[in-house]
Amino acid sequence: MSSEARGTFFRQSAWMMMATVGSGALMSLVHLCSKVIPGTEYAALGTLVQLLTWMAIPAVGLQMVFAQQASAVLTIAHRRQLVGTMRAVTLGAFSVWLLMALLVFLWRAECIAALRLTNPAALWVTLAIGLLILWSPVFQGLMQGRQNFLWLGWAAVVSSVGRLSIAAFGVLLLGAGAAGIMTGVLVGAALGFGVALWQSWDLWREPSAPFDWRTWLARVIPLTV
């Protein structure tokens, strides 16, 4: 390995470590808001976070697969296949989310009662976060595969800053409880997703090739399971 390659590797590695540790620390500070909200609100928050974990199950493995496919682009045909896969998967993820949203809307009263939410807005905010959770791994994988580590790190930092600042504002100044913290999560996720989408926008304007569902699912399903 040349000295230039080593320098690039250690520079990118150091940045990703700093971004990961920094964003993790900022996100953990959100739990300080639990000291100023009622215990019932914090219990509802824990339930909503667990709900997000369940909603993210279909997206498990997406970032890894897209990173591998993006890094393997060597020809125009490969690039068009990547574009076709990106468009098809984002549409498929939206379809999954839309089905979840429809089911929640139809049984909204039962959901609010089962989750013991004092503010129904927390449920709808959580549902909106679910869409970003399904989409974000696609674009983060694209940045990782294209070795765009600078903005991959900034996406994590921007997301954590947005989450902490909005959550603190909603809880400390507005007394919004769990709904305020989840709104912070939504804003943070939207900011991080916006950075990833911006850095992958050039792919959206390019022609695409047909998407091979069977081959792609054979790679994703084992990771998801």
Protein backbone atom coordinates (compact mmCIF):
# COMPACT_ATOMS: atom_id res chain seq x y z
CA MET A 1 0.00 0.00 0.00
CA SER A 2 1.39 3.39 -0.96
CA SER A 3 1.87 6.15 1.58
CA GLU A 4 -0.90 8.16 -0.08
CA ALA A 5 -3.34 5.23 0.19
CA ARG A 6 -2.40 4.69 3.83
CA GLY A 7 -2.95 8.36 4.58
CA THR A 8 -6.36 8.27 2.92
CA PHE A 9 -7.35 5.13 4.79
CA PHE A 10 -6.37 6.47 8.23
CA ARG A 11 -7.92 9.87 7.53
CA GLN A 12 -11.24 8.32 6.53
CA SER A 13 -11.15 5.81 9.38
CA ALA A 14 -10.42 8.50 11.96
CA TRP A 15 -13.24 10.69 10.64
CA MET A 16 -15.78 7.84 10.70
CA MET A 17 -14.75 6.90 14.26
CA MET A 18 -15.11 10.50 15.44
CA ALA A 19 -18.44 10.91 13.67
CA THR A 20 -19.77 7.64 15.06
CA VAL A 21 -18.67 8.31 18.64
CA GLY A 22 -19.79 11.93 18.51
CA SER A 23 -23.21 11.19 17.06
CA GLY A 24 -23.72 8.34 19.52
CA ALA A 25 -22.87 10.60 22.45
CA LEU A 26 -25.26 13.30 21.25
CA MET A 27 -28.06 10.79 20.75
CA SER A 28 -27.55 9.34 24.24
CA LEU A 29 -27.99 12.82 25.71
CA VAL A 30 -31.61 12.74 24.54
CA HIS A 31 -32.34 10.44 27.48
CA LEU A 32 -31.58 13.31 29.85
CA CYS A 33 -35.01 14.61 28.87
CA SER A 34 -36.47 11.67 30.80
CA LYS A 35 -35.67 13.54 34.01
CA VAL A 36 -38.20 16.25 33.22
CA ILE A 37 -41.08 14.20 31.81
CA PRO A 38 -43.52 12.02 33.78
CA GLY A 39 -42.73 8.35 34.19
CA THR A 40 -45.72 7.37 32.08
CA GLU A 41 -44.42 9.50 29.20
CA TYR A 42 -40.99 7.89 29.43
CA ALA A 43 -42.59 4.44 29.41
CA ALA A 44 -44.51 5.44 26.27
CA LEU A 45 -41.25 6.64 24.73
CA GLY A 46 -39.61 3.26 25.33
CA THR A 47 -42.57 1.54 23.70
CA LEU A 48 -42.41 3.81 20.64
CA VAL A 49 -38.68 3.21 20.25
CA GLN A 50 -39.33 -0.53 20.33
CA LEU A 51 -42.04 -0.03 17.73
CA LEU A 52 -39.50 1.68 15.48
CA THR A 53 -37.21 -1.32 15.89
CA TRP A 54 -39.94 -3.60 14.61
CA MET A 55 -40.73 -1.29 11.71
CA ALA A 56 -37.06 -1.31 10.69
CA ILE A 57 -36.91 -5.10 10.28
CA PRO A 58 -37.62 -5.02 6.50
CA ALA A 59 -34.65 -2.65 6.04
CA VAL A 60 -32.11 -4.87 7.82
CA GLY A 61 -29.28 -5.67 5.41
CA LEU A 62 -30.13 -2.96 2.86
CA GLN A 63 -27.13 -0.75 3.62
CA MET A 64 -24.69 -3.65 3.37
CA VAL A 65 -26.11 -4.87 0.06
CA PHE A 66 -26.24 -1.42 -1.52
CA ALA A 67 -22.71 -0.65 -0.35
CA GLN A 68 -21.48 -3.83 -2.03
CA GLN A 69 -23.39 -3.15 -5.26
CA ALA A 70 -22.29 0.50 -5.43
CA SER A 71 -18.64 -0.43 -4.87
CA ALA A 72 -18.84 -3.00 -7.68
CA VAL A 73 -19.93 -0.50 -10.34
CA LEU A 74 -17.33 -0.68 -13.12
CA THR A 75 -19.37 -0.17 -16.29
CA ILE A 76 -22.35 1.86 -17.47
CA ALA A 77 -24.46 -1.31 -17.37
CA HIS A 78 -23.57 -1.84 -13.71
CA ARG A 79 -24.44 1.76 -12.92
CA ARG A 80 -27.83 1.48 -14.60
CA GLN A 81 -28.54 -1.71 -12.69
CA LEU A 82 -27.69 0.13 -9.47
CA VAL A 83 -30.08 2.95 -10.39
CA GLY A 84 -32.83 0.47 -11.23
CA THR A 85 -32.32 -1.35 -7.95
CA MET A 86 -32.36 1.89 -5.97
CA ARG A 87 -35.62 3.05 -7.52
CA ALA A 88 -37.34 -0.32 -7.17
CA VAL A 89 -36.30 -0.83 -3.55
CA THR A 90 -37.30 2.66 -2.44
CA LEU A 91 -40.69 2.15 -4.09
CA GLY A 92 -41.01 -1.28 -2.45
CA ALA A 93 -40.08 0.15 0.95
CA PHE A 94 -42.67 2.88 0.51
CA SER A 95 -45.29 0.25 -0.31
CA VAL A 96 -44.45 -1.66 2.89
CA TRP A 97 -44.65 1.54 4.91
CA LEU A 98 -47.94 2.56 3.27
CA LEU A 99 -49.46 -0.78 4.25
CA MET A 100 -48.29 -0.29 7.85
CA ALA A 101 -49.67 3.26 7.86
CA LEU A 102 -53.03 2.08 6.54
CA LEU A 103 -53.31 -0.62 9.21
CA VAL A 104 -52.43 1.87 11.94
CA PHE A 105 -54.98 4.35 10.62
CA LEU A 106 -57.74 1.75 10.53
CA TRP A 107 -57.00 0.62 14.10
CA ARG A 108 -55.73 3.95 15.42
CA ALA A 109 -57.94 3.95 18.50
CA GLU A 110 -56.82 0.47 19.47
CA CYS A 111 -53.16 1.34 18.84
CA ILE A 112 -53.30 4.48 20.96
CA ALA A 113 -55.01 2.60 23.78
CA ALA A 114 -52.62 -0.37 23.62
CA LEU A 115 -49.57 1.90 23.65
CA ARG A 116 -51.11 4.02 26.44
CA LEU A 117 -50.33 7.29 24.67
CA THR A 118 -51.62 10.49 26.22
CA ASN A 119 -50.81 12.42 23.04
CA PRO A 120 -51.92 10.67 19.81
CA ALA A 121 -49.48 12.85 17.83
CA ALA A 122 -46.64 10.66 19.10
CA LEU A 123 -48.03 7.72 17.13
CA TRP A 124 -48.18 9.63 13.84
CA VAL A 125 -44.70 11.07 14.34
CA THR A 126 -43.39 7.56 14.98
CA LEU A 127 -45.07 6.34 11.82
CA ALA A 128 -43.39 9.10 9.78
CA ILE A 129 -40.01 8.13 11.24
CA GLY A 130 -40.66 4.58 10.05
CA LEU A 131 -40.57 5.66 6.41
CA LEU A 132 -37.19 7.34 6.87
CA ILE A 133 -35.88 4.26 8.64
CA LEU A 134 -36.84 2.13 5.65
CA TRP A 135 -35.31 4.55 3.13
CA SER A 136 -32.15 5.70 4.86
CA PRO A 137 -30.13 2.44 4.58
CA VAL A 138 -30.47 2.58 0.79
CA PHE A 139 -28.82 5.98 0.49
CA GLN A 140 -26.32 5.39 3.29
CA GLY A 141 -25.27 2.21 1.50
CA LEU A 142 -24.80 4.18 -1.71
CA MET A 143 -22.53 6.68 0.05
CA GLN A 144 -20.57 3.89 1.70
CA GLY A 145 -20.12 1.96 -1.53
CA ARG A 146 -19.03 5.09 -3.39
CA GLN A 147 -16.55 5.78 -0.55
CA ASN A 148 -18.20 9.10 0.27
CA PHE A 149 -17.15 8.79 3.90
CA LEU A 150 -16.99 12.54 4.48
CA TRP A 151 -20.73 13.03 4.02
CA LEU A 152 -21.61 9.64 5.47
CA GLY A 153 -20.10 10.84 8.73
CA TRP A 154 -21.75 14.25 8.48
CA ALA A 155 -25.14 12.60 7.93
CA ALA A 156 -24.77 10.84 11.29
CA VAL A 157 -23.63 14.02 13.04
CA VAL A 158 -26.40 16.19 11.56
CA SER A 159 -29.00 13.58 12.48
CA SER A 160 -27.88 13.40 16.12
CA VAL A 161 -27.65 17.20 16.49
CA GLY A 162 -31.14 17.64 15.06
CA ARG A 163 -32.55 14.92 17.32
CA LEU A 164 -31.04 16.36 20.51
CA SER A 165 -31.84 20.02 19.82
CA ILE A 166 -35.47 19.51 18.78
CA ALA A 167 -36.13 17.00 21.57
CA ALA A 168 -34.69 19.37 24.17
CA PHE A 169 -36.70 22.27 22.76
CA GLY A 170 -39.94 20.28 22.71
CA VAL A 171 -39.53 18.86 26.22
CA LEU A 172 -37.88 21.68 28.14
CA LEU A 173 -39.70 24.64 26.58
CA LEU A 174 -42.98 23.20 25.32
CA GLY A 175 -43.50 20.34 27.76
CA ALA A 176 -44.33 18.00 24.89
CA GLY A 177 -43.29 14.76 26.62
CA ALA A 178 -42.80 11.64 24.50
CA ALA A 179 -44.27 13.38 21.45
CA GLY A 180 -41.60 16.10 21.72
CA ILE A 181 -38.76 13.59 21.92
CA MET A 182 -40.12 11.60 18.97
CA THR A 183 -40.44 14.84 17.00
CA GLY A 184 -36.73 15.38 17.65
CA VAL A 185 -36.06 11.86 16.35
CA LEU A 186 -38.12 12.67 13.24
CA VAL A 187 -36.27 15.92 12.53
CA GLY A 188 -32.90 14.28 13.11
CA ALA A 189 -33.75 11.36 10.83
CA ALA A 190 -35.02 13.76 8.16
CA LEU A 191 -31.81 15.83 8.29
CA GLY A 192 -29.58 12.76 8.03
CA PHE A 193 -31.71 11.36 5.21
CA GLY A 194 -31.60 14.72 3.43
CA VAL A 195 -27.80 14.69 3.43
CA ALA A 196 -27.73 11.12 2.08
CA LEU A 197 -30.32 11.92 -0.59
CA TRP A 198 -28.42 15.03 -1.65
CA GLN A 199 -25.18 13.10 -2.07
CA SER A 200 -26.93 10.42 -4.16
CA TRP A 201 -29.11 12.75 -6.22
CA ASP A 202 -26.99 12.35 -9.36
CA LEU A 203 -28.12 8.72 -9.64
CA TRP A 204 -31.80 9.65 -9.75
CA ARG A 205 -31.32 11.55 -13.01
CA GLU A 206 -29.70 8.67 -14.84
CA PRO A 207 -31.38 5.91 -16.90
CA SER A 208 -31.96 2.59 -15.20
CA ALA A 209 -31.85 -1.06 -16.14
CA PRO A 210 -34.49 -3.69 -15.24
CA PHE A 211 -34.39 -4.83 -11.63
CA ASP A 212 -33.74 -8.52 -10.94
CA TRP A 213 -35.85 -9.16 -7.84
CA ARG A 214 -34.89 -12.81 -7.39
CA THR A 215 -31.13 -12.26 -7.37
CA TRP A 216 -31.41 -9.24 -5.11
CA LEU A 217 -33.73 -10.89 -2.60
CA ALA A 218 -31.41 -13.90 -2.44
CA ARG A 219 -28.75 -11.54 -1.07
CA VAL A 220 -30.94 -9.49 1.27
CA ILE A 221 -33.21 -12.09 2.88
CA PRO A 222 -30.41 -14.05 4.65
CA LEU A 223 -29.09 -10.82 6.17
CA THR A 224 -32.59 -9.79 7.27
CA VAL A 225 -33.31 -13.18 8.80
